[in-house]
Amino acid sequence: MSTTLTFNFQHRSLVPFAHDYAHGDSEPWHQHDCAQLLHILSGVVRVETAQGYWV
């Protein structure tokens, strides 16, 4: 199943979005039109960018 989320950030400086991932879940390569901030409550996340990996 594929989900596409579209947000209009024009008039908002911050848009909160929560999502729970199960162990081993991953997302396909994608990009965002604006900066993203991740806040992890537990576990480990690895982010791959054109500049490298972040753990």
N, C-alpha and C. Protein backbone atom coordinates (compact mmCIF):
# COMPACT_ATOMS: atom_id res chain seq x y z
N MET A 1 0.84 -1.18 0.00
CA MET A 1 0.00 0.00 0.00
C MET A 1 0.88 1.24 0.00
N SER A 2 0.55 2.21 -0.81
CA SER A 2 1.33 3.44 -0.91
C SER A 2 0.49 4.62 -0.46
N THR A 3 1.11 5.51 0.30
CA THR A 3 0.43 6.70 0.78
C THR A 3 1.23 7.92 0.38
N THR A 4 0.56 8.91 -0.17
CA THR A 4 1.20 10.17 -0.50
C THR A 4 0.61 11.26 0.36
N LEU A 5 1.46 11.97 1.08
CA LEU A 5 1.02 13.07 1.92
C LEU A 5 1.45 14.37 1.28
N THR A 6 0.53 15.30 1.16
CA THR A 6 0.83 16.60 0.59
C THR A 6 0.50 17.66 1.63
N PHE A 7 1.49 18.48 1.95
CA PHE A 7 1.30 19.54 2.93
C PHE A 7 1.57 20.89 2.28
N ASN A 8 0.83 21.91 2.69
CA ASN A 8 1.08 23.27 2.25
C ASN A 8 1.75 24.00 3.41
N PHE A 9 3.05 24.26 3.29
CA PHE A 9 3.82 24.90 4.36
C PHE A 9 3.90 26.42 4.20
N GLN A 10 3.22 26.97 3.22
CA GLN A 10 3.35 28.38 2.90
C GLN A 10 3.11 29.30 4.09
N HIS A 11 2.11 29.04 4.88
CA HIS A 11 1.73 29.96 5.95
C HIS A 11 2.03 29.40 7.35
N ARG A 12 2.79 28.32 7.42
CA ARG A 12 3.10 27.72 8.71
C ARG A 12 4.59 27.47 8.81
N SER A 13 5.17 27.86 9.93
CA SER A 13 6.60 27.62 10.10
C SER A 13 6.89 26.21 10.63
N LEU A 14 5.89 25.57 11.22
CA LEU A 14 6.07 24.23 11.77
C LEU A 14 4.79 23.44 11.59
N VAL A 15 4.92 22.22 11.09
CA VAL A 15 3.78 21.33 10.93
C VAL A 15 4.13 20.01 11.59
N PRO A 16 3.53 19.70 12.75
CA PRO A 16 3.85 18.43 13.41
C PRO A 16 3.19 17.25 12.69
N PHE A 17 3.89 16.14 12.68
CA PHE A 17 3.38 14.92 12.08
C PHE A 17 3.97 13.74 12.83
N ALA A 18 3.13 12.86 13.33
CA ALA A 18 3.60 11.69 14.09
C ALA A 18 3.35 10.42 13.28
N HIS A 19 4.30 9.51 13.37
CA HIS A 19 4.16 8.22 12.70
C HIS A 19 4.93 7.17 13.48
N ASP A 20 4.33 6.03 13.71
CA ASP A 20 4.99 4.92 14.40
C ASP A 20 5.48 3.91 13.36
N TYR A 21 6.73 3.50 13.49
CA TYR A 21 7.30 2.48 12.62
C TYR A 21 7.56 1.22 13.43
N ALA A 22 7.29 0.07 12.84
CA ALA A 22 7.62 -1.21 13.46
C ALA A 22 9.09 -1.51 13.20
N HIS A 23 9.67 -2.37 13.99
CA HIS A 23 11.07 -2.78 13.82
C HIS A 23 11.31 -3.25 12.39
N GLY A 24 12.32 -2.71 11.75
CA GLY A 24 12.67 -3.12 10.40
C GLY A 24 11.95 -2.38 9.28
N ASP A 25 11.00 -1.52 9.61
CA ASP A 25 10.29 -0.75 8.58
C ASP A 25 11.25 0.18 7.86
N SER A 26 10.95 0.49 6.62
CA SER A 26 11.76 1.44 5.86
C SER A 26 10.86 2.21 4.90
N GLU A 27 11.37 3.31 4.42
CA GLU A 27 10.67 4.15 3.44
C GLU A 27 11.45 4.11 2.14
N PRO A 28 10.78 4.17 0.99
CA PRO A 28 11.52 4.27 -0.26
C PRO A 28 12.19 5.64 -0.37
N TRP A 29 13.22 5.75 -1.21
CA TRP A 29 13.92 7.01 -1.41
C TRP A 29 12.89 8.07 -1.83
N HIS A 30 12.94 9.22 -1.18
CA HIS A 30 12.04 10.32 -1.51
C HIS A 30 12.69 11.63 -1.08
N GLN A 31 12.07 12.73 -1.39
CA GLN A 31 12.60 14.03 -0.99
C GLN A 31 11.47 14.93 -0.53
N HIS A 32 11.85 16.00 0.15
CA HIS A 32 10.88 16.94 0.70
C HIS A 32 11.15 18.34 0.15
N ASP A 33 10.09 19.14 0.05
CA ASP A 33 10.22 20.51 -0.44
C ASP A 33 10.71 21.47 0.63
N CYS A 34 10.77 21.00 1.86
CA CYS A 34 11.23 21.87 2.95
C CYS A 34 12.05 21.02 3.93
N ALA A 35 12.68 21.66 4.88
CA ALA A 35 13.51 20.96 5.86
C ALA A 35 12.65 20.04 6.73
N GLN A 36 13.25 18.97 7.21
CA GLN A 36 12.57 18.00 8.07
C GLN A 36 13.34 17.86 9.37
N LEU A 37 12.63 17.64 10.46
CA LEU A 37 13.23 17.41 11.77
C LEU A 37 12.67 16.10 12.31
N LEU A 38 13.54 15.17 12.67
CA LEU A 38 13.11 13.90 13.25
C LEU A 38 13.33 13.92 14.75
N HIS A 39 12.35 13.40 15.48
CA HIS A 39 12.48 13.26 16.93
C HIS A 39 12.15 11.81 17.26
N ILE A 40 13.13 11.06 17.70
CA ILE A 40 12.97 9.64 17.95
C ILE A 40 12.83 9.41 19.45
N LEU A 41 11.75 8.76 19.87
CA LEU A 41 11.53 8.51 21.29
C LEU A 41 12.24 7.25 21.76
N SER A 42 12.36 6.25 20.88
CA SER A 42 13.09 5.04 21.24
C SER A 42 13.55 4.35 19.96
N GLY A 43 14.60 3.56 20.08
CA GLY A 43 15.13 2.85 18.92
C GLY A 43 16.17 3.66 18.19
N VAL A 44 16.46 3.25 16.97
CA VAL A 44 17.49 3.89 16.15
C VAL A 44 16.89 4.16 14.78
N VAL A 45 17.26 5.28 14.21
CA VAL A 45 16.84 5.60 12.85
C VAL A 45 18.08 5.91 12.02
N ARG A 46 18.08 5.46 10.77
CA ARG A 46 19.17 5.78 9.84
C ARG A 46 18.55 6.53 8.67
N VAL A 47 19.09 7.71 8.41
CA VAL A 47 18.61 8.55 7.31
C VAL A 47 19.70 8.62 6.26
N GLU A 48 19.33 8.35 5.02
CA GLU A 48 20.27 8.44 3.91
C GLU A 48 19.96 9.69 3.10
N THR A 49 20.97 10.53 2.88
CA THR A 49 20.82 11.73 2.06
C THR A 49 21.86 11.68 0.95
N ALA A 50 21.78 12.63 0.04
CA ALA A 50 22.78 12.71 -1.03
C ALA A 50 24.17 12.99 -0.45
N GLN A 51 24.23 13.60 0.74
CA GLN A 51 25.50 13.93 1.38
C GLN A 51 26.05 12.81 2.25
N GLY A 52 25.24 11.81 2.58
CA GLY A 52 25.72 10.71 3.41
C GLY A 52 24.63 10.14 4.29
N TYR A 53 25.04 9.35 5.28
CA TYR A 53 24.12 8.70 6.20
C TYR A 53 24.14 9.39 7.55
N TRP A 54 23.01 9.42 8.22
CA TRP A 54 22.88 9.95 9.57
C TRP A 54 22.27 8.86 10.44
N VAL A 55 22.86 8.60 11.59
CA VAL A 55 22.33 7.58 12.50
C VAL A 55 22.02 8.24 13.83
